[in-house]
Amino acid sequence: MLQQWHAGDIDIVLVNSVESLRNLAEMLTDAGGELLRQAQLLVVSERMLPQIKALGIERTPILAANATDGAVVKALLDWRLRAGS
């Protein structure tokens, strides 16, 4: 995964819970942690925002309307359209 991330193959990271964000941050090496701090996140709850800030993630996360598949897909598609790709 880190090789793909370094190569620019990962555009956005979907995080479904504070726990999954913490686990991801713990699993990454220092180099991976830097990638995470610069990553575009898509989150499903405002409850995650303080943890994102605490981890030093630089970009404002995309916030899905809720945790349903439909809301996550809509947020992802809206983000992609705004990004122009």
C-alpha atoms as a PDB file:
ATOM      1  CA  MET A   1       0.000   0.000   0.000  1.00  0.00           C
ATOM      2  CA  LEU A   2       2.790   2.458   0.826  1.00  0.00           C
ATOM      3  CA  GLN A   3       4.376   1.906  -2.580  1.00  0.00           C
ATOM      4  CA  GLN A   4       1.066   2.731  -4.268  1.00  0.00           C
ATOM      5  CA  TRP A   5       0.615   5.766  -2.045  1.00  0.00           C
ATOM      6  CA  HIS A   6       4.127   7.033  -2.780  1.00  0.00           C
ATOM      7  CA  ALA A   7       3.500   6.480  -6.504  1.00  0.00           C
ATOM      8  CA  GLY A   8       0.399   8.693  -6.341  1.00  0.00           C
ATOM      9  CA  ASP A   9      -2.032   5.829  -6.930  1.00  0.00           C
ATOM     10  CA  ILE A  10      -4.080   6.622  -3.810  1.00  0.00           C
ATOM     11  CA  ASP A  11      -6.111   9.814  -4.119  1.00  0.00           C
ATOM     12  CA  ILE A  12      -8.390   9.615  -1.106  1.00  0.00           C
ATOM     13  CA  VAL A  13      -8.676   7.544   2.065  1.00  0.00           C
ATOM     14  CA  LEU A  14     -12.089   6.496   3.360  1.00  0.00           C
ATOM     15  CA  VAL A  15     -12.230   6.310   7.139  1.00  0.00           C
ATOM     16  CA  ASN A  16     -15.379   4.887   8.734  1.00  0.00           C
ATOM     17  CA  SER A  17     -14.572   5.372  12.408  1.00  0.00           C
ATOM     18  CA  VAL A  18     -12.222   7.033  14.851  1.00  0.00           C
ATOM     19  CA  GLU A  19     -10.927   3.571  15.720  1.00  0.00           C
ATOM     20  CA  SER A  20     -10.058   2.753  12.102  1.00  0.00           C
ATOM     21  CA  LEU A  21      -8.255   6.091  11.770  1.00  0.00           C
ATOM     22  CA  ARG A  22      -6.248   5.395  14.920  1.00  0.00           C
ATOM     23  CA  ASN A  23      -5.414   1.887  13.707  1.00  0.00           C
ATOM     24  CA  LEU A  24      -4.270   3.194  10.331  1.00  0.00           C
ATOM     25  CA  ALA A  25      -2.084   5.836  11.963  1.00  0.00           C
ATOM     26  CA  GLU A  26      -0.518   3.225  14.259  1.00  0.00           C
ATOM     27  CA  MET A  27       0.181   0.774  11.407  1.00  0.00           C
ATOM     28  CA  LEU A  28       1.994   3.294   9.227  1.00  0.00           C
ATOM     29  CA  THR A  29       5.712   3.896   9.515  1.00  0.00           C
ATOM     30  CA  ASP A  30       7.073   7.431   9.834  1.00  0.00           C
ATOM     31  CA  ALA A  31       7.035   7.798   6.047  1.00  0.00           C
ATOM     32  CA  GLY A  32       3.485   6.472   5.929  1.00  0.00           C
ATOM     33  CA  GLY A  33       2.492   8.821   8.710  1.00  0.00           C
ATOM     34  CA  GLU A  34       3.630  11.742   6.580  1.00  0.00           C
ATOM     35  CA  LEU A  35       1.503  10.452   3.704  1.00  0.00           C
ATOM     36  CA  LEU A  36      -1.475  10.227   6.053  1.00  0.00           C
ATOM     37  CA  ARG A  37      -0.914  13.792   7.300  1.00  0.00           C
ATOM     38  CA  GLN A  38      -1.065  14.990   3.689  1.00  0.00           C
ATOM     39  CA  ALA A  39      -3.915  12.707   2.602  1.00  0.00           C
ATOM     40  CA  GLN A  40      -7.383  13.677   1.519  1.00  0.00           C
ATOM     41  CA  LEU A  41      -9.733  11.862   3.877  1.00  0.00           C
ATOM     42  CA  LEU A  42     -13.390  11.057   3.383  1.00  0.00           C
ATOM     43  CA  VAL A  43     -15.105  10.593   6.743  1.00  0.00           C
ATOM     44  CA  VAL A  44     -18.615   9.627   7.758  1.00  0.00           C
ATOM     45  CA  SER A  45     -19.005  11.561  10.998  1.00  0.00           C
ATOM     46  CA  GLU A  46     -18.113  14.929  12.479  1.00  0.00           C
ATOM     47  CA  ARG A  47     -17.015  12.988  15.585  1.00  0.00           C
ATOM     48  CA  MET A  48     -13.845  12.165  13.667  1.00  0.00           C
ATOM     49  CA  LEU A  49     -12.761  15.773  13.167  1.00  0.00           C
ATOM     50  CA  PRO A  50     -10.990  16.215  16.542  1.00  0.00           C
ATOM     51  CA  GLN A  51      -8.967  13.015  15.966  1.00  0.00           C
ATOM     52  CA  ILE A  52      -8.025  14.184  12.475  1.00  0.00           C
ATOM     53  CA  LYS A  53      -6.788  17.460  13.931  1.00  0.00           C
ATOM     54  CA  ALA A  54      -4.917  15.650  16.724  1.00  0.00           C
ATOM     55  CA  LEU A  55      -3.072  13.531  14.141  1.00  0.00           C
ATOM     56  CA  GLY A  56      -1.937  16.672  12.339  1.00  0.00           C
ATOM     57  CA  ILE A  57      -3.741  15.867   9.096  1.00  0.00           C
ATOM     58  CA  GLU A  58      -3.387  18.968   6.982  1.00  0.00           C
ATOM     59  CA  ARG A  59      -6.248  18.803   4.496  1.00  0.00           C
ATOM     60  CA  THR A  60      -9.861  19.480   5.361  1.00  0.00           C
ATOM     61  CA  PRO A  61     -11.656  16.131   5.190  1.00  0.00           C
ATOM     62  CA  ILE A  62     -14.593  15.434   2.932  1.00  0.00           C
ATOM     63  CA  LEU A  63     -17.609  14.735   5.148  1.00  0.00           C
ATOM     64  CA  ALA A  64     -20.257  12.317   3.889  1.00  0.00           C
ATOM     65  CA  ALA A  65     -23.833  13.121   4.897  1.00  0.00           C
ATOM     66  CA  ASN A  66     -23.941   9.865   6.889  1.00  0.00           C
ATOM     67  CA  ALA A  67     -22.362   6.404   6.997  1.00  0.00           C
ATOM     68  CA  THR A  68     -24.572   4.722   4.397  1.00  0.00           C
ATOM     69  CA  ASP A  69     -23.016   3.371   1.223  1.00  0.00           C
ATOM     70  CA  GLY A  70     -25.066   5.799  -0.858  1.00  0.00           C
ATOM     71  CA  ALA A  71     -23.909   8.849   1.103  1.00  0.00           C
ATOM     72  CA  VAL A  72     -20.267   7.770   0.946  1.00  0.00           C
ATOM     73  CA  VAL A  73     -20.434   7.127  -2.807  1.00  0.00           C
ATOM     74  CA  LYS A  74     -22.153  10.490  -3.356  1.00  0.00           C
ATOM     75  CA  ALA A  75     -19.474  12.306  -1.341  1.00  0.00           C
ATOM     76  CA  LEU A  76     -16.747  10.505  -3.281  1.00  0.00           C
ATOM     77  CA  LEU A  77     -18.316  11.317  -6.655  1.00  0.00           C
ATOM     78  CA  ASP A  78     -18.883  14.959  -5.679  1.00  0.00           C
ATOM     79  CA  TRP A  79     -15.237  15.224  -4.592  1.00  0.00           C
ATOM     80  CA  ARG A  80     -14.025  13.661  -7.844  1.00  0.00           C
ATOM     81  CA  LEU A  81     -16.155  16.049  -9.926  1.00  0.00           C
ATOM     82  CA  ARG A  82     -14.793  19.055  -8.009  1.00  0.00           C
ATOM     83  CA  ALA A  83     -11.256  17.749  -8.509  1.00  0.00           C
ATOM     84  CA  GLY A  84     -11.901  17.649 -12.248  1.00  0.00           C
ATOM     85  CA  SER A  85     -10.854  14.054 -12.877  1.00  0.00           C
END
